[in-house]
Protein backbone atom coordinates (compact mmCIF):
# COMPACT_ATOMS: atom_id res chain seq x y z
CA MET A 1 114.56 124.61 38.77
CA VAL A 2 114.95 124.43 42.79
CA ILE A 3 117.49 121.42 42.30
CA ASP A 4 120.19 124.35 41.15
CA ARG A 5 120.44 124.65 44.46
CA ILE A 6 122.18 121.52 44.91
CA SER A 7 125.60 121.35 44.71
CA ILE A 8 127.78 118.31 44.53
CA ASP A 9 131.54 119.02 44.32
CA PRO A 10 134.04 116.12 45.49
CA SER A 11 136.54 118.64 47.35
CA ARG A 12 133.56 119.44 49.48
CA MET A 13 131.86 117.00 52.30
CA ALA A 14 133.54 114.30 50.38
CA GLY A 15 131.24 114.70 47.48
CA ALA A 16 127.94 114.46 49.74
CA PRO A 17 125.25 116.92 48.08
CA THR A 18 125.20 120.09 49.53
CA VAL A 19 122.92 123.20 50.10
CA ARG A 20 124.38 125.30 46.94
CA ASP A 21 127.97 126.08 47.65
CA THR A 22 127.72 125.44 51.48
CA ARG A 23 129.04 122.81 53.75
CA VAL A 24 125.11 122.37 55.09
CA THR A 25 124.43 118.80 53.25
CA VAL A 26 121.32 117.78 52.14
CA THR A 27 121.34 114.57 54.79
CA ALA A 28 121.59 117.15 57.55
CA VAL A 29 118.92 119.24 56.50
CA LEU A 30 116.41 116.00 55.45
CA GLY A 31 117.59 114.58 58.89
CA GLN A 32 116.40 117.65 61.12
CA LEU A 33 112.86 117.77 58.72
CA ALA A 34 112.75 114.07 59.64
CA ALA A 35 113.49 114.70 63.40
CA GLY A 36 110.00 116.89 63.21
CA ARG A 37 111.92 120.39 63.15
CA SER A 38 109.53 122.72 61.01
CA VAL A 39 111.30 124.75 57.89
CA GLU A 40 111.36 127.81 59.93
CA GLN A 41 113.26 125.92 62.52
CA VAL A 42 116.20 124.99 60.12
CA LEU A 43 115.96 128.31 59.01
CA GLU A 44 116.76 129.62 62.13
CA ASP A 45 119.60 127.23 62.60
CA TYR A 46 121.02 128.02 59.15
CA PRO A 47 120.53 131.60 58.93
CA TYR A 48 122.35 131.53 55.16
CA LEU A 49 120.09 129.24 53.94
CA GLU A 50 116.65 130.32 52.47
CA ARG A 51 113.14 128.44 52.21
CA ASP A 52 113.84 128.05 48.37
CA ASP A 53 116.88 125.96 49.36
CA ILE A 54 114.95 123.80 51.80
CA LEU A 55 112.32 123.21 48.90
CA ALA A 56 115.58 122.12 46.70
CA VAL A 57 116.86 119.85 49.51
CA LEU A 58 113.13 118.04 49.06
CA ALA A 59 112.71 118.15 45.51
CA PHE A 60 116.40 116.59 45.33
CA ALA A 61 115.66 113.82 47.72
CA ALA A 62 112.65 113.09 45.64
CA ASP A 63 114.26 112.57 42.46
CA SER A 64 116.97 111.00 43.97
CA VAL A 65 114.18 108.07 44.92
CA GLN A 66 112.49 108.14 41.98
CA ARG A 67 115.50 107.20 40.38
CA GLU A 68 116.62 104.67 42.98
CA LEU A 69 113.07 103.07 42.29
CA PRO A 70 111.86 104.09 39.10
CA PHE A 71 108.79 101.90 39.73
CA VAL A 72 107.74 104.22 42.47
CA ALA A 73 104.83 106.29 40.91
CA ALA A 74 105.73 110.16 40.72
């Protein structure tokens, strides 16, 4: 499952969800995508990330919203 690429460790980045065991937060990647940057541009900024990492960020965000707002249709 792609969400397995997201880590939550209280000792890293104050417990914010990160991509794998890096210091790249889910919100950092989402922020870049929300600002209009393409997946390819994000990968250029973070060359140690993979396309599946970006997909995991999106899946994690969607799952988080679904849990927060359970009335939203999946």
